[in-house]
C-alpha cells in the first residue's frame, strides 16, 4: 500500500539524490503505457512539489507525445543498495522544448548534451513510499558512456536527422511534433 505524502520532504530528497536510476511512466487514455529507465545526471528537485528531468535522444519519444494528450506522469525510484525502499512521484507534467522561451533557464540546470531532446517539468501531487523488499540488491558501477559517445558522434545535425527518422511518431502512431518544437523557426 505505501505511505502517502503531499510533498517531497528533505528525507525524500536525500533518498532521491542517492539513486543513480529512475523510471518514468506515461500513457494517454488509450495508448500503450510507456515505462522508461533514466539515469546519468538528469533529475532535479525544484521544490517540495516540483521536479524536472532532462530527456535525451533515444529510440522513441513516447513521453512527449503522451503528455500532449494526457499530462499524467509517474516517476519511480527504488533502492538497489542500502535500506530497501521505493519512492513514487505522481503528478502532471509538461514538456519544455528548444523553441520554448524557458528552455535555456531549465537546460542550464543540467550538463550540456547535444542529445538533449526535451525537459519535463512535473507538478508533484502525491509522494508515495513503500517497502521495496522485493527489489534486489545490486552494485552500482558507473553510468554508461554510450549515450554521450553516440550523441557526440552524431552531432547536432545527426541528432536532428535521427529525430526526423525515428522520433516523429509513437509506437501507437501519435505525432510527437519533435521537429516543429525543436527546430529553429
C-alpha atoms as a PDB file:
ATOM      1  CA  UNK A   1       0.000   0.000   0.000  1.00  0.00           C
ATOM      2  CA  UNK A   2       2.658   2.518   0.967  1.00  0.00           C
ATOM      3  CA  UNK A   3       2.565   5.800   2.842  1.00  0.00           C
ATOM      4  CA  UNK A   4       1.338   8.921   1.058  1.00  0.00           C
ATOM      5  CA  UNK A   5       2.749  12.412   1.416  1.00  0.00           C
ATOM      6  CA  UNK A   6       1.679  15.743  -0.085  1.00  0.00           C
ATOM      7  CA  UNK A   7       5.194  16.842  -0.983  1.00  0.00           C
ATOM      8  CA  UNK A   8       8.846  15.869  -1.244  1.00  0.00           C
ATOM      9  CA  UNK A   9      10.375  16.111   2.228  1.00  0.00           C
ATOM     10  CA  UNK A  10      14.103  16.621   2.914  1.00  0.00           C
ATOM     11  CA  UNK A  11      14.306  12.878   3.721  1.00  0.00           C
ATOM     12  CA  UNK A  12      12.674  12.016   0.367  1.00  0.00           C
ATOM     13  CA  UNK A  13      15.043  14.388  -1.412  1.00  0.00           C
ATOM     14  CA  UNK A  14      18.047  12.719   0.187  1.00  0.00           C
ATOM     15  CA  UNK A  15      16.808   9.294  -0.937  1.00  0.00           C
ATOM     16  CA  UNK A  16      16.172  10.536  -4.497  1.00  0.00           C
ATOM     17  CA  UNK A  17      19.639  12.083  -4.758  1.00  0.00           C
ATOM     18  CA  UNK A  18      21.252   8.774  -3.756  1.00  0.00           C
ATOM     19  CA  UNK A  19      19.620   6.822  -6.613  1.00  0.00           C
ATOM     20  CA  UNK A  20      21.523   6.560  -9.921  1.00  0.00           C
ATOM     21  CA  UNK A  21      18.398   5.398 -11.780  1.00  0.00           C
ATOM     22  CA  UNK A  22      14.733   6.344 -12.009  1.00  0.00           C
ATOM     23  CA  UNK A  23      11.807   5.165 -14.096  1.00  0.00           C
ATOM     24  CA  UNK A  24       9.213   7.307 -15.910  1.00  0.00           C
ATOM     25  CA  UNK A  25       5.724   6.108 -16.890  1.00  0.00           C
ATOM     26  CA  UNK A  26       3.225   7.891 -19.170  1.00  0.00           C
ATOM     27  CA  UNK A  27       0.195   6.965 -21.241  1.00  0.00           C
ATOM     28  CA  UNK A  28      -2.774   8.525 -22.952  1.00  0.00           C
ATOM     29  CA  UNK A  29      -6.258   7.216 -22.153  1.00  0.00           C
ATOM     30  CA  UNK A  30      -5.921   4.508 -24.806  1.00  0.00           C
ATOM     31  CA  UNK A  31      -2.242   4.255 -25.737  1.00  0.00           C
ATOM     32  CA  UNK A  32       0.369   1.695 -24.884  1.00  0.00           C
ATOM     33  CA  UNK A  33       1.883   2.520 -21.494  1.00  0.00           C
ATOM     34  CA  UNK A  34       5.450   3.754 -21.775  1.00  0.00           C
ATOM     35  CA  UNK A  35       7.871   2.898 -18.968  1.00  0.00           C
ATOM     36  CA  UNK A  36      11.451   4.099 -19.396  1.00  0.00           C
ATOM     37  CA  UNK A  37      14.579   3.892 -17.258  1.00  0.00           C
ATOM     38  CA  UNK A  38      16.517   7.146 -16.914  1.00  0.00           C
ATOM     39  CA  UNK A  39      19.929   7.787 -15.478  1.00  0.00           C
ATOM     40  CA  UNK A  40      23.020   9.893 -15.864  1.00  0.00           C
ATOM     41  CA  UNK A  41      22.737  13.355 -14.246  1.00  0.00           C
ATOM     42  CA  UNK A  42      19.231  14.098 -15.494  1.00  0.00           C
ATOM     43  CA  UNK A  43      16.936  14.737 -12.483  1.00  0.00           C
ATOM     44  CA  UNK A  44      16.407  17.908 -10.430  1.00  0.00           C
ATOM     45  CA  UNK A  45      14.173  18.752  -7.488  1.00  0.00           C
ATOM     46  CA  UNK A  46      12.967  22.336  -7.880  1.00  0.00           C
ATOM     47  CA  UNK A  47      10.825  22.499  -4.764  1.00  0.00           C
ATOM     48  CA  UNK A  48       8.654  20.349  -2.495  1.00  0.00           C
ATOM     49  CA  UNK A  49       6.102  19.845  -5.293  1.00  0.00           C
ATOM     50  CA  UNK A  50       8.106  20.468  -8.435  1.00  0.00           C
ATOM     51  CA  UNK A  51      10.760  18.473 -10.272  1.00  0.00           C
ATOM     52  CA  UNK A  52      12.248  18.398 -13.747  1.00  0.00           C
ATOM     53  CA  UNK A  53      14.275  15.914 -15.744  1.00  0.00           C
ATOM     54  CA  UNK A  54      16.260  16.061 -18.966  1.00  0.00           C
ATOM     55  CA  UNK A  55      15.158  13.677 -21.701  1.00  0.00           C
ATOM     56  CA  UNK A  56      17.976  12.654 -24.000  1.00  0.00           C
ATOM     57  CA  UNK A  57      17.523  11.422 -27.550  1.00  0.00           C
ATOM     58  CA  UNK A  58      16.601   7.764 -27.663  1.00  0.00           C
ATOM     59  CA  UNK A  59      14.825   5.157 -29.706  1.00  0.00           C
ATOM     60  CA  UNK A  60      11.347   6.582 -29.102  1.00  0.00           C
ATOM     61  CA  UNK A  61       9.690   9.789 -27.947  1.00  0.00           C
ATOM     62  CA  UNK A  62       6.626   8.372 -26.194  1.00  0.00           C
ATOM     63  CA  UNK A  63       6.506  10.562 -23.081  1.00  0.00           C
ATOM     64  CA  UNK A  64       6.461  13.828 -25.029  1.00  0.00           C
ATOM     65  CA  UNK A  65       3.577  12.650 -27.213  1.00  0.00           C
ATOM     66  CA  UNK A  66       1.653  11.153 -24.300  1.00  0.00           C
ATOM     67  CA  UNK A  67       1.633  14.257 -22.139  1.00  0.00           C
ATOM     68  CA  UNK A  68       0.341  16.361 -25.041  1.00  0.00           C
ATOM     69  CA  UNK A  69      -2.829  14.248 -24.734  1.00  0.00           C
ATOM     70  CA  UNK A  70      -2.771  13.409 -21.033  1.00  0.00           C
ATOM     71  CA  UNK A  71      -0.268  15.148 -18.730  1.00  0.00           C
ATOM     72  CA  UNK A  72      -0.149  12.345 -16.130  1.00  0.00           C
ATOM     73  CA  UNK A  73       3.323  11.164 -15.228  1.00  0.00           C
ATOM     74  CA  UNK A  74       4.676   8.777 -12.605  1.00  0.00           C
ATOM     75  CA  UNK A  75       8.320   8.654 -11.605  1.00  0.00           C
ATOM     76  CA  UNK A  76       9.728   5.813  -9.513  1.00  0.00           C
ATOM     77  CA  UNK A  77      12.987   5.481  -7.610  1.00  0.00           C
ATOM     78  CA  UNK A  78      13.982   2.257  -5.876  1.00  0.00           C
ATOM     79  CA  UNK A  79      16.941   1.395  -3.707  1.00  0.00           C
ATOM     80  CA  UNK A  80      19.188  -1.275  -5.215  1.00  0.00           C
ATOM     81  CA  UNK A  81      21.619  -0.809  -2.308  1.00  0.00           C
ATOM     82  CA  UNK A  82      21.255   0.179   1.327  1.00  0.00           C
ATOM     83  CA  UNK A  83      17.883   0.108   3.078  1.00  0.00           C
ATOM     84  CA  UNK A  84      15.010  -1.231   0.974  1.00  0.00           C
ATOM     85  CA  UNK A  85      12.610   1.457  -0.270  1.00  0.00           C
ATOM     86  CA  UNK A  86      10.566   2.537  -3.274  1.00  0.00           C
ATOM     87  CA  UNK A  87       9.532   6.160  -3.792  1.00  0.00           C
ATOM     88  CA  UNK A  88       6.990   7.215  -6.414  1.00  0.00           C
ATOM     89  CA  UNK A  89       6.119  10.718  -7.552  1.00  0.00           C
ATOM     90  CA  UNK A  90       2.659  11.143  -9.108  1.00  0.00           C
ATOM     91  CA  UNK A  91       1.691  14.314 -10.910  1.00  0.00           C
ATOM     92  CA  UNK A  92       1.197  16.229 -14.122  1.00  0.00           C
ATOM     93  CA  UNK A  93       3.949  17.240 -16.490  1.00  0.00           C
ATOM     94  CA  UNK A  94       4.699  19.472 -19.409  1.00  0.00           C
ATOM     95  CA  UNK A  95       7.454  19.178 -21.977  1.00  0.00           C
ATOM     96  CA  UNK A  96       9.819  22.078 -22.493  1.00  0.00           C
ATOM     97  CA  UNK A  97      11.376  22.103 -25.969  1.00  0.00           C
ATOM     98  CA  UNK A  98      14.248  24.002 -27.567  1.00  0.00           C
ATOM     99  CA  UNK A  99      11.865  26.603 -29.037  1.00  0.00           C
ATOM    100  CA  UNK A 100      10.146  27.357 -25.715  1.00  0.00           C
ATOM    101  CA  UNK A 101      11.047  30.636 -24.031  1.00  0.00           C
ATOM    102  CA  UNK A 102      12.025  28.895 -20.785  1.00  0.00           C
ATOM    103  CA  UNK A 103      14.207  26.212 -22.436  1.00  0.00           C
ATOM    104  CA  UNK A 104      17.522  27.880 -21.559  1.00  0.00           C
ATOM    105  CA  UNK A 105      16.502  28.513 -17.926  1.00  0.00           C
ATOM    106  CA  UNK A 106      15.831  24.801 -17.391  1.00  0.00           C
ATOM    107  CA  UNK A 107      18.598  23.496 -19.656  1.00  0.00           C
ATOM    108  CA  UNK A 108      21.212  25.339 -17.567  1.00  0.00           C
ATOM    109  CA  UNK A 109      20.323  23.014 -14.666  1.00  0.00           C
ATOM    110  CA  UNK A 110      21.871  20.027 -16.477  1.00  0.00           C
ATOM    111  CA  UNK A 111      25.189  19.060 -18.065  1.00  0.00           C
ATOM    112  CA  UNK A 112      25.283  20.144 -21.692  1.00  0.00           C
ATOM    113  CA  UNK A 113      24.349  17.434 -24.198  1.00  0.00           C
ATOM    114  CA  UNK A 114      23.865  17.590 -27.949  1.00  0.00           C
ATOM    115  CA  UNK A 115      21.303  14.806 -27.410  1.00  0.00           C
ATOM    116  CA  UNK A 116      19.000  16.933 -25.215  1.00  0.00           C
ATOM    117  CA  UNK A 117      15.508  16.427 -26.638  1.00  0.00           C
ATOM    118  CA  UNK A 118      13.115  17.859 -24.036  1.00  0.00           C
ATOM    119  CA  UNK A 119      12.985  18.757 -20.397  1.00  0.00           C
ATOM    120  CA  UNK A 120       9.947  17.614 -18.467  1.00  0.00           C
ATOM    121  CA  UNK A 121       8.720  19.765 -15.618  1.00  0.00           C
ATOM    122  CA  UNK A 122       6.332  17.968 -13.274  1.00  0.00           C
ATOM    123  CA  UNK A 123       3.987  19.243 -10.597  1.00  0.00           C
ATOM    124  CA  UNK A 124       4.083  16.584  -7.880  1.00  0.00           C
ATOM    125  CA  UNK A 125       0.679  15.874  -6.323  1.00  0.00           C
ATOM    126  CA  UNK A 126       1.457  12.700  -4.374  1.00  0.00           C
ATOM    127  CA  UNK A 127       4.658  11.169  -2.999  1.00  0.00           C
ATOM    128  CA  UNK A 128       4.293   7.516  -2.069  1.00  0.00           C
ATOM    129  CA  UNK A 129       6.884   5.480  -0.184  1.00  0.00           C
ATOM    130  CA  UNK A 130       6.693   1.705   0.112  1.00  0.00           C
ATOM    131  CA  UNK A 131       8.908  -1.065   1.471  1.00  0.00           C
ATOM    132  CA  UNK A 132      10.861  -2.190  -1.595  1.00  0.00           C
ATOM    133  CA  UNK A 133      11.550  -5.588  -0.042  1.00  0.00           C
ATOM    134  CA  UNK A 134      11.207  -7.272  -3.435  1.00  0.00           C
ATOM    135  CA  UNK A 135      13.849  -5.058  -5.106  1.00  0.00           C
ATOM    136  CA  UNK A 136      17.139  -6.939  -5.493  1.00  0.00           C
ATOM    137  CA  UNK A 137      20.421  -5.714  -4.062  1.00  0.00           C
ATOM    138  CA  UNK A 138      22.809  -4.714  -6.837  1.00  0.00           C
ATOM    139  CA  UNK A 139      26.094  -2.856  -7.005  1.00  0.00           C
ATOM    140  CA  UNK A 140      26.235   0.377  -8.994  1.00  0.00           C
ATOM    141  CA  UNK A 141      29.411   0.523 -11.057  1.00  0.00           C
ATOM    142  CA  UNK A 142      29.075   3.684 -13.148  1.00  0.00           C
ATOM    143  CA  UNK A 143      26.965   5.460 -15.722  1.00  0.00           C
ATOM    144  CA  UNK A 144      27.223   4.056 -19.218  1.00  0.00           C
ATOM    145  CA  UNK A 145      29.111   6.234 -21.676  1.00  0.00           C
ATOM    146  CA  UNK A 146      27.342   5.015 -24.827  1.00  0.00           C
ATOM    147  CA  UNK A 147      24.652   7.727 -24.990  1.00  0.00           C
ATOM    148  CA  UNK A 148      27.216  10.504 -24.622  1.00  0.00           C
ATOM    149  CA  UNK A 149      29.508   8.909 -27.198  1.00  0.00           C
ATOM    150  CA  UNK A 150      26.625   8.216 -29.599  1.00  0.00           C
ATOM    151  CA  UNK A 151      25.177  11.743 -29.435  1.00  0.00           C
ATOM    152  CA  UNK A 152      28.615  13.377 -29.702  1.00  0.00           C
ATOM    153  CA  UNK A 153      29.462  11.237 -32.719  1.00  0.00           C
ATOM    154  CA  UNK A 154      26.194  12.223 -34.447  1.00  0.00           C
ATOM    155  CA  UNK A 155      26.477  15.924 -33.586  1.00  0.00           C
ATOM    156  CA  UNK A 156      23.593  18.375 -33.813  1.00  0.00           C
ATOM    157  CA  UNK A 157      22.855  17.685 -37.484  1.00  0.00           C
ATOM    158  CA  UNK A 158      22.910  13.921 -36.991  1.00  0.00           C
ATOM    159  CA  UNK A 159      20.650  14.135 -33.933  1.00  0.00           C
ATOM    160  CA  UNK A 160      18.088  16.175 -35.858  1.00  0.00           C
ATOM    161  CA  UNK A 161      18.205  13.633 -38.674  1.00  0.00           C
ATOM    162  CA  UNK A 162      17.663  10.881 -36.084  1.00  0.00           C
ATOM    163  CA  UNK A 163      14.638  12.789 -34.721  1.00  0.00           C
ATOM    164  CA  UNK A 164      13.324  13.040 -38.285  1.00  0.00           C
ATOM    165  CA  UNK A 165      13.840   9.348 -38.987  1.00  0.00           C
ATOM    166  CA  UNK A 166      12.926   7.802 -35.608  1.00  0.00           C
ATOM    167  CA  UNK A 167      11.192  10.195 -33.188  1.00  0.00           C
ATOM    168  CA  UNK A 168       8.225  11.702 -35.061  1.00  0.00           C
ATOM    169  CA  UNK A 169       5.574   9.176 -34.041  1.00  0.00           C
ATOM    170  CA  UNK A 170       4.992   6.866 -31.105  1.00  0.00           C
ATOM    171  CA  UNK A 171       4.520   3.119 -31.393  1.00  0.00           C
ATOM    172  CA  UNK A 172       0.766   3.855 -31.403  1.00  0.00           C
ATOM    173  CA  UNK A 173       1.115   6.392 -34.228  1.00  0.00           C
ATOM    174  CA  UNK A 174       0.748   9.572 -32.151  1.00  0.00           C
ATOM    175  CA  UNK A 175       2.585  12.578 -33.561  1.00  0.00           C
ATOM    176  CA  UNK A 176       5.381  13.880 -31.327  1.00  0.00           C
ATOM    177  CA  UNK A 177       5.876  17.203 -33.189  1.00  0.00           C
ATOM    178  CA  UNK A 178       9.555  16.970 -32.251  1.00  0.00           C
ATOM    179  CA  UNK A 179      10.796  18.783 -35.357  1.00  0.00           C
ATOM    180  CA  UNK A 180       8.304  21.668 -35.048  1.00  0.00           C
ATOM    181  CA  UNK A 181       9.083  22.113 -31.354  1.00  0.00           C
ATOM    182  CA  UNK A 182      12.865  21.824 -31.535  1.00  0.00           C
ATOM    183  CA  UNK A 183      14.000  23.227 -34.872  1.00  0.00           C
ATOM    184  CA  UNK A 184      14.865  26.912 -35.335  1.00  0.00           C
ATOM    185  CA  UNK A 185      11.925  28.956 -36.559  1.00  0.00           C
END
